[in-house]
Amino acid sequence: MRVLVIEDDADVAIYIVKALAEAGHNPSHADNGKDGLVMATTENFDVLVVDRMLPGPDGLTIIRTLRASEDQTPALILSALGDVDDKVKGLKAGGDDYLTKPFAAAELLARLEALTRRASAKGEPAETKLSVADLEMDLLSRSVSRAGTSIDLQPREFRLLECLMRNAGSVVTRTMLLEDVWDYHFDPQTNVIDVHVSRLRQKVDKDFDTPLIQTVRGAGYVLREADK
């Protein structure tokens, strides 16, 4: 994917651009709001990474300007401001996601990939079924089965598995799960995710030879068929 990084902190910009390039993406960089806005409006990008505090127009002004011109390129806001109110302001300005500094490259990449997947799916018929290996989910009947065997899930477990299946093959961070499954935009400092993932594993993987839910140490979880 082609990514525009608008970030005035040289160290942070180098870190992001390097991570994107190593992951096989095509990053471009602007170190101020003025140049960033020009590049965003004159070139085609799949997703934007926009620092909130910038010289020239700040990040929120850039995003508001793009949305006013009907440019819907997905935008992830970076900021050292991590309060819920700050995140809400960023999302209301037209941002599609909000990541607080400092952050891990793995989480940034996972969030950008999720944003581009959602953008590419717009306008297409809504998915009604998800499948990974022999695991199947029917979103209409709210049913799950593996290798033809029905799996009974609680509503929260269903949402958790749906999130993992929609991002199959990609790391889903704990922060992403808190936001997507629990609607938390802050870390409650509990083991609620660990408990629910453990219960989900008992239902999805326990009686099968191939585990699908894998832990990525220090990053989060990924749903994929184990390497053979």
C-alpha atoms as a PDB file:
ATOM      1  CA  MET A   1       0.000   0.000   0.000  1.00  0.00           C
ATOM      2  CA  ARG A   2       1.081   3.582  -0.636  1.00  0.00           C
ATOM      3  CA  VAL A   3       1.291   5.510   2.644  1.00  0.00           C
ATOM      4  CA  LEU A   4       1.777   9.225   3.284  1.00  0.00           C
ATOM      5  CA  VAL A   5       3.446   9.913   6.635  1.00  0.00           C
ATOM      6  CA  ILE A   6       3.026  13.501   7.841  1.00  0.00           C
ATOM      7  CA  GLU A   7       5.284  13.723  10.895  1.00  0.00           C
ATOM      8  CA  ASP A   8       7.654  16.508  11.996  1.00  0.00           C
ATOM      9  CA  ASP A   9       9.629  14.456  14.527  1.00  0.00           C
ATOM     10  CA  ALA A  10      12.552  13.130  12.467  1.00  0.00           C
ATOM     11  CA  ASP A  11      13.173  10.073  14.680  1.00  0.00           C
ATOM     12  CA  VAL A  12       9.517   9.029  14.655  1.00  0.00           C
ATOM     13  CA  ALA A  13       9.282   9.581  10.899  1.00  0.00           C
ATOM     14  CA  ILE A  14      12.368   7.452  10.234  1.00  0.00           C
ATOM     15  CA  TYR A  15      10.980   4.708  12.490  1.00  0.00           C
ATOM     16  CA  ILE A  16       7.641   4.648  10.648  1.00  0.00           C
ATOM     17  CA  VAL A  17       9.057   4.878   7.132  1.00  0.00           C
ATOM     18  CA  LYS A  18      11.558   2.093   7.861  1.00  0.00           C
ATOM     19  CA  ALA A  19       8.836  -0.183   9.291  1.00  0.00           C
ATOM     20  CA  LEU A  20       6.582   0.430   6.288  1.00  0.00           C
ATOM     21  CA  ALA A  21       9.362  -0.180   3.774  1.00  0.00           C
ATOM     22  CA  GLU A  22      10.471  -3.385   5.528  1.00  0.00           C
ATOM     23  CA  ALA A  23       6.866  -4.623   5.427  1.00  0.00           C
ATOM     24  CA  GLY A  24       6.828  -4.153   1.648  1.00  0.00           C
ATOM     25  CA  HIS A  25       4.824  -0.925   1.516  1.00  0.00           C
ATOM     26  CA  ASN A  26       5.585   2.334  -0.320  1.00  0.00           C
ATOM     27  CA  PRO A  27       5.930   5.237   2.156  1.00  0.00           C
ATOM     28  CA  SER A  28       6.251   8.953   1.376  1.00  0.00           C
ATOM     29  CA  HIS A  29       7.064  11.567   4.024  1.00  0.00           C
ATOM     30  CA  ALA A  30       6.280  15.222   4.697  1.00  0.00           C
ATOM     31  CA  ASP A  31       7.751  16.948   7.755  1.00  0.00           C
ATOM     32  CA  ASN A  32       5.206  19.769   8.038  1.00  0.00           C
ATOM     33  CA  GLY A  33       1.494  20.351   7.620  1.00  0.00           C
ATOM     34  CA  LYS A  34       1.725  22.551   4.535  1.00  0.00           C
ATOM     35  CA  ASP A  35       3.718  20.078   2.439  1.00  0.00           C
ATOM     36  CA  GLY A  36       1.692  17.191   3.816  1.00  0.00           C
ATOM     37  CA  LEU A  37      -1.607  18.759   2.763  1.00  0.00           C
ATOM     38  CA  VAL A  38      -0.245  19.508  -0.720  1.00  0.00           C
ATOM     39  CA  MET A  39       0.934  15.911  -1.150  1.00  0.00           C
ATOM     40  CA  ALA A  40      -2.339  14.504   0.203  1.00  0.00           C
ATOM     41  CA  THR A  41      -4.404  16.552  -2.238  1.00  0.00           C
ATOM     42  CA  THR A  42      -2.244  16.128  -5.346  1.00  0.00           C
ATOM     43  CA  GLU A  43      -1.148  12.496  -5.101  1.00  0.00           C
ATOM     44  CA  ASN A  44      -2.972   9.218  -4.570  1.00  0.00           C
ATOM     45  CA  PHE A  45      -2.388   7.343  -1.322  1.00  0.00           C
ATOM     46  CA  ASP A  46      -4.065   4.285   0.158  1.00  0.00           C
ATOM     47  CA  VAL A  47      -3.805   5.570   3.719  1.00  0.00           C
ATOM     48  CA  LEU A  48      -2.445   8.553   5.659  1.00  0.00           C
ATOM     49  CA  VAL A  49      -0.495   8.656   8.922  1.00  0.00           C
ATOM     50  CA  VAL A  50      -0.958  12.161  10.346  1.00  0.00           C
ATOM     51  CA  ASP A  51       0.708  13.560  13.448  1.00  0.00           C
ATOM     52  CA  ARG A  52      -1.712  15.705  15.412  1.00  0.00           C
ATOM     53  CA  MET A  53       0.752  18.472  16.349  1.00  0.00           C
ATOM     54  CA  LEU A  54       2.468  19.831  13.230  1.00  0.00           C
ATOM     55  CA  PRO A  55       4.053  23.098  12.077  1.00  0.00           C
ATOM     56  CA  GLY A  56       1.749  24.735   9.562  1.00  0.00           C
ATOM     57  CA  PRO A  57      -1.781  23.365   9.566  1.00  0.00           C
ATOM     58  CA  ASP A  58      -2.002  20.771  12.325  1.00  0.00           C
ATOM     59  CA  GLY A  59      -3.104  17.192  11.769  1.00  0.00           C
ATOM     60  CA  LEU A  60      -6.780  17.714  12.556  1.00  0.00           C
ATOM     61  CA  THR A  61      -6.948  20.712  10.211  1.00  0.00           C
ATOM     62  CA  ILE A  62      -5.413  18.628   7.431  1.00  0.00           C
ATOM     63  CA  ILE A  63      -7.994  15.883   7.901  1.00  0.00           C
ATOM     64  CA  ARG A  64     -10.911  18.330   8.143  1.00  0.00           C
ATOM     65  CA  THR A  65      -9.734  19.974   4.908  1.00  0.00           C
ATOM     66  CA  LEU A  66      -9.565  16.635   3.118  1.00  0.00           C
ATOM     67  CA  ARG A  67     -12.999  15.577   4.331  1.00  0.00           C
ATOM     68  CA  ALA A  68     -14.490  18.952   3.314  1.00  0.00           C
ATOM     69  CA  SER A  69     -13.240  18.292  -0.221  1.00  0.00           C
ATOM     70  CA  GLU A  70     -14.822  14.806  -0.089  1.00  0.00           C
ATOM     71  CA  ASP A  71     -11.451  13.064   0.091  1.00  0.00           C
ATOM     72  CA  GLN A  72     -12.125   9.923   2.111  1.00  0.00           C
ATOM     73  CA  THR A  73      -8.611   8.467   2.151  1.00  0.00           C
ATOM     74  CA  PRO A  74      -8.321   6.585   5.469  1.00  0.00           C
ATOM     75  CA  ALA A  75      -6.331   8.554   8.034  1.00  0.00           C
ATOM     76  CA  LEU A  76      -4.664   7.343  11.218  1.00  0.00           C
ATOM     77  CA  ILE A  77      -3.873  10.095  13.724  1.00  0.00           C
ATOM     78  CA  LEU A  78      -0.674   9.914  15.775  1.00  0.00           C
ATOM     79  CA  SER A  79      -0.506  11.870  19.005  1.00  0.00           C
ATOM     80  CA  ALA A  80       1.114  12.056  22.417  1.00  0.00           C
ATOM     81  CA  LEU A  81      -2.331  13.160  23.669  1.00  0.00           C
ATOM     82  CA  GLY A  82      -3.966   9.978  24.856  1.00  0.00           C
ATOM     83  CA  ASP A  83      -7.007  11.079  26.847  1.00  0.00           C
ATOM     84  CA  VAL A  84     -10.398   9.811  25.701  1.00  0.00           C
ATOM     85  CA  ASP A  85     -11.506  13.389  24.914  1.00  0.00           C
ATOM     86  CA  ASP A  86      -8.473  13.876  22.657  1.00  0.00           C
ATOM     87  CA  LYS A  87      -9.243  10.663  20.794  1.00  0.00           C
ATOM     88  CA  VAL A  88     -12.876  11.654  20.374  1.00  0.00           C
ATOM     89  CA  LYS A  89     -11.842  15.034  18.923  1.00  0.00           C
ATOM     90  CA  GLY A  90      -9.575  13.294  16.461  1.00  0.00           C
ATOM     91  CA  LEU A  91     -12.246  10.877  15.305  1.00  0.00           C
ATOM     92  CA  LYS A  92     -14.855  13.647  15.057  1.00  0.00           C
ATOM     93  CA  ALA A  93     -12.454  15.649  12.875  1.00  0.00           C
ATOM     94  CA  GLY A  94     -12.628  12.829  10.348  1.00  0.00           C
ATOM     95  CA  GLY A  95      -9.825  10.550  11.493  1.00  0.00           C
ATOM     96  CA  ASP A  96     -10.466   6.830  11.048  1.00  0.00           C
ATOM     97  CA  ASP A  97      -8.179   5.647  13.831  1.00  0.00           C
ATOM     98  CA  TYR A  98      -6.065   7.134  16.628  1.00  0.00           C
ATOM     99  CA  LEU A  99      -2.775   5.770  17.907  1.00  0.00           C
ATOM    100  CA  THR A 100      -1.038   7.190  20.972  1.00  0.00           C
ATOM    101  CA  LYS A 101       2.729   7.690  21.127  1.00  0.00           C
ATOM    102  CA  PRO A 102       4.868   5.800  21.919  1.00  0.00           C
ATOM    103  CA  PHE A 103       3.691   2.862  19.825  1.00  0.00           C
ATOM    104  CA  ALA A 104       5.034  -0.393  18.406  1.00  0.00           C
ATOM    105  CA  ALA A 105       5.596  -0.704  14.661  1.00  0.00           C
ATOM    106  CA  ALA A 106       3.605  -3.953  14.647  1.00  0.00           C
ATOM    107  CA  GLU A 107       0.530  -2.176  15.974  1.00  0.00           C
ATOM    108  CA  LEU A 108       0.859   0.686  13.504  1.00  0.00           C
ATOM    109  CA  LEU A 109       1.121  -1.750  10.588  1.00  0.00           C
ATOM    110  CA  ALA A 110      -1.820  -3.812  11.824  1.00  0.00           C
ATOM    111  CA  ARG A 111      -4.012  -0.736  12.146  1.00  0.00           C
ATOM    112  CA  LEU A 112      -3.066   0.594   8.701  1.00  0.00           C
ATOM    113  CA  GLU A 113      -3.761  -2.766   7.086  1.00  0.00           C
ATOM    114  CA  ALA A 114      -7.148  -2.907   8.816  1.00  0.00           C
ATOM    115  CA  LEU A 115      -7.992   0.608   7.586  1.00  0.00           C
ATOM    116  CA  THR A 116      -7.163  -0.232   3.982  1.00  0.00           C
ATOM    117  CA  ARG A 117      -9.169  -3.463   4.148  1.00  0.00           C
ATOM    118  CA  ARG A 118     -12.216  -1.591   5.407  1.00  0.00           C
ATOM    119  CA  ALA A 119     -11.798   1.084   2.730  1.00  0.00           C
ATOM    120  CA  SER A 120     -11.551  -1.461  -0.080  1.00  0.00           C
ATOM    121  CA  ALA A 121     -14.651  -3.247   1.194  1.00  0.00           C
ATOM    122  CA  LYS A 122     -16.837  -0.131   0.984  1.00  0.00           C
ATOM    123  CA  GLY A 123     -19.380  -0.365  -1.778  1.00  0.00           C
ATOM    124  CA  GLU A 124     -19.104  -4.145  -1.931  1.00  0.00           C
ATOM    125  CA  PRO A 125     -21.911  -6.447  -0.744  1.00  0.00           C
ATOM    126  CA  ALA A 126     -21.679  -7.004   2.996  1.00  0.00           C
ATOM    127  CA  GLU A 127     -20.021 -10.255   4.016  1.00  0.00           C
ATOM    128  CA  THR A 128     -22.345 -12.761   5.593  1.00  0.00           C
ATOM    129  CA  LYS A 129     -19.879 -15.606   6.089  1.00  0.00           C
ATOM    130  CA  LEU A 130     -16.276 -15.754   7.250  1.00  0.00           C
ATOM    131  CA  SER A 131     -13.970 -18.753   7.045  1.00  0.00           C
ATOM    132  CA  VAL A 132     -10.412 -19.567   8.041  1.00  0.00           C
ATOM    133  CA  ALA A 133      -9.155 -23.101   7.405  1.00  0.00           C
ATOM    134  CA  ASP A 134     -11.985 -25.358   8.640  1.00  0.00           C
ATOM    135  CA  LEU A 135     -13.482 -22.660  10.901  1.00  0.00           C
ATOM    136  CA  GLU A 136     -16.674 -21.039   9.606  1.00  0.00           C
ATOM    137  CA  MET A 137     -18.808 -18.171  10.906  1.00  0.00           C
ATOM    138  CA  ASP A 138     -22.265 -17.191   9.668  1.00  0.00           C
ATOM    139  CA  LEU A 139     -22.913 -13.561  10.549  1.00  0.00           C
ATOM    140  CA  LEU A 140     -26.623 -13.757   9.792  1.00  0.00           C
ATOM    141  CA  SER A 141     -27.469 -16.795  11.891  1.00  0.00           C
ATOM    142  CA  ARG A 142     -24.725 -15.886  14.422  1.00  0.00           C
ATOM    143  CA  SER A 143     -23.436 -19.453  14.296  1.00  0.00           C
ATOM    144  CA  VAL A 144     -19.919 -20.894  14.293  1.00  0.00           C
ATOM    145  CA  SER A 145     -18.652 -24.313  13.345  1.00  0.00           C
ATOM    146  CA  ARG A 146     -15.336 -26.040  12.869  1.00  0.00           C
ATOM    147  CA  ALA A 147     -14.930 -29.079  10.632  1.00  0.00           C
ATOM    148  CA  GLY A 148     -18.717 -29.319  10.622  1.00  0.00           C
ATOM    149  CA  THR A 149     -18.994 -29.336  14.420  1.00  0.00           C
ATOM    150  CA  SER A 150     -21.113 -26.550  15.899  1.00  0.00           C
ATOM    151  CA  ILE A 151     -19.428 -24.282  18.467  1.00  0.00           C
ATOM    152  CA  ASP A 152     -21.575 -22.482  21.029  1.00  0.00           C
ATOM    153  CA  LEU A 153     -20.238 -18.990  21.780  1.00  0.00           C
ATOM    154  CA  GLN A 154     -21.351 -16.255  24.127  1.00  0.00           C
ATOM    155  CA  PRO A 155     -22.026 -12.851  22.463  1.00  0.00           C
ATOM    156  CA  ARG A 156     -18.686 -11.380  23.560  1.00  0.00           C
ATOM    157  CA  GLU A 157     -16.823 -14.488  22.416  1.00  0.00           C
ATOM    158  CA  PHE A 158     -18.563 -14.218  19.047  1.00  0.00           C
ATOM    159  CA  ARG A 159     -17.432 -10.595  18.641  1.00  0.00           C
ATOM    160  CA  LEU A 160     -13.898 -11.521  19.650  1.00  0.00           C
ATOM    161  CA  LEU A 161     -13.734 -14.365  17.141  1.00  0.00           C
ATOM    162  CA  GLU A 162     -15.306 -12.183  14.442  1.00  0.00           C
ATOM    163  CA  CYS A 163     -12.604  -9.559  14.965  1.00  0.00           C
ATOM    164  CA  LEU A 164      -9.864 -12.185  14.703  1.00  0.00           C
ATOM    165  CA  MET A 165     -11.423 -13.765  11.598  1.00  0.00           C
ATOM    166  CA  ARG A 166     -11.882 -10.432   9.818  1.00  0.00           C
ATOM    167  CA  ASN A 167      -8.175  -9.802  10.384  1.00  0.00           C
ATOM    168  CA  ALA A 168      -7.067 -13.372   9.703  1.00  0.00           C
ATOM    169  CA  GLY A 169      -3.345 -13.649   9.125  1.00  0.00           C
ATOM    170  CA  SER A 170      -2.629 -10.237  10.669  1.00  0.00           C
ATOM    171  CA  VAL A 171      -1.738  -9.420  14.259  1.00  0.00           C
ATOM    172  CA  VAL A 172      -4.647  -7.981  16.233  1.00  0.00           C
ATOM    173  CA  THR A 173      -3.298  -5.987  19.155  1.00  0.00           C
ATOM    174  CA  ARG A 174      -4.796  -5.834  22.623  1.00  0.00           C
ATOM    175  CA  THR A 175      -5.688  -2.175  22.044  1.00  0.00           C
ATOM    176  CA  MET A 176      -7.554  -3.079  18.848  1.00  0.00           C
ATOM    177  CA  LEU A 177      -9.500  -5.791  20.685  1.00  0.00           C
ATOM    178  CA  LEU A 178     -10.408  -3.413  23.518  1.00  0.00           C
ATOM    179  CA  GLU A 179     -11.745  -0.900  20.993  1.00  0.00           C
ATOM    180  CA  ASP A 180     -13.471  -3.311  18.583  1.00  0.00           C
ATOM    181  CA  VAL A 181     -14.866  -5.871  21.029  1.00  0.00           C
ATOM    182  CA  TRP A 182     -15.331  -3.963  24.291  1.00  0.00           C
ATOM    183  CA  ASP A 183     -15.714  -0.417  22.909  1.00  0.00           C
ATOM    184  CA  TYR A 184     -13.002   0.748  25.321  1.00  0.00           C
ATOM    185  CA  HIS A 185     -10.808   3.623  24.142  1.00  0.00           C
ATOM    186  CA  PHE A 186      -8.560   3.236  27.149  1.00  0.00           C
ATOM    187  CA  ASP A 187      -6.812   0.340  28.872  1.00  0.00           C
ATOM    188  CA  PRO A 188      -8.841  -0.767  31.928  1.00  0.00           C
ATOM    189  CA  GLN A 189      -5.711  -2.511  33.277  1.00  0.00           C
ATOM    190  CA  THR A 190      -7.473  -5.854  33.670  1.00  0.00           C
ATOM    191  CA  ASN A 191      -6.920  -9.331  32.241  1.00  0.00           C
ATOM    192  CA  VAL A 192     -10.322  -9.330  30.526  1.00  0.00           C
ATOM    193  CA  ILE A 193      -8.800 -10.054  27.100  1.00  0.00           C
ATOM    194  CA  ASP A 194      -6.673 -12.946  28.371  1.00  0.00           C
ATOM    195  CA  VAL A 195      -9.685 -14.522  30.059  1.00  0.00           C
ATOM    196  CA  HIS A 196     -11.886 -14.307  26.972  1.00  0.00           C
ATOM    197  CA  VAL A 197      -9.162 -15.503  24.592  1.00  0.00           C
ATOM    198  CA  SER A 198      -8.510 -18.474  26.891  1.00  0.00           C
ATOM    199  CA  ARG A 199     -12.221 -19.374  26.887  1.00  0.00           C
ATOM    200  CA  LEU A 200     -12.389 -18.966  23.124  1.00  0.00           C
ATOM    201  CA  ARG A 201      -9.387 -21.261  22.654  1.00  0.00           C
ATOM    202  CA  GLN A 202     -11.092 -23.911  24.756  1.00  0.00           C
ATOM    203  CA  LYS A 203     -13.997 -23.884  22.322  1.00  0.00           C
ATOM    204  CA  VAL A 204     -12.253 -23.332  19.003  1.00  0.00           C
ATOM    205  CA  ASP A 205      -8.955 -25.224  19.377  1.00  0.00           C
ATOM    206  CA  LYS A 206      -9.187 -27.727  22.249  1.00  0.00           C
ATOM    207  CA  ASP A 207     -10.576 -30.718  20.342  1.00  0.00           C
ATOM    208  CA  PHE A 208      -8.631 -30.139  17.123  1.00  0.00           C
ATOM    209  CA  ASP A 209      -5.090 -31.042  16.091  1.00  0.00           C
ATOM    210  CA  THR A 210      -4.366 -27.662  14.497  1.00  0.00           C
ATOM    211  CA  PRO A 211      -4.608 -24.588  16.769  1.00  0.00           C
ATOM    212  CA  LEU A 212      -5.838 -21.482  14.983  1.00  0.00           C
ATOM    213  CA  ILE A 213      -5.638 -18.798  17.706  1.00  0.00           C
ATOM    214  CA  GLN A 214      -2.000 -17.926  18.253  1.00  0.00           C
ATOM    215  CA  THR A 215      -0.337 -15.505  20.656  1.00  0.00           C
ATOM    216  CA  VAL A 216       2.226 -13.098  19.235  1.00  0.00           C
ATOM    217  CA  ARG A 217       4.351 -12.313  22.266  1.00  0.00           C
ATOM    218  CA  GLY A 218       4.423  -8.603  23.062  1.00  0.00           C
ATOM    219  CA  ALA A 219       2.026  -7.738  20.229  1.00  0.00           C
ATOM    220  CA  GLY A 220      -1.349  -9.479  20.469  1.00  0.00           C
ATOM    221  CA  TYR A 221      -3.082 -12.369  18.745  1.00  0.00           C
ATOM    222  CA  VAL A 222      -3.451 -13.734  15.237  1.00  0.00           C
ATOM    223  CA  LEU A 223      -5.885 -16.237  13.774  1.00  0.00           C
ATOM    224  CA  ARG A 224      -4.215 -18.446  11.185  1.00  0.00           C
ATOM    225  CA  GLU A 225      -3.421 -22.033  10.438  1.00  0.00           C
ATOM    226  CA  ALA A 226      -0.278 -23.110  12.260  1.00  0.00           C
ATOM    227  CA  ASP A 227       2.882 -23.421  10.186  1.00  0.00           C
ATOM    228  CA  LYS A 228       3.527 -27.013   9.234  1.00  0.00           C
END
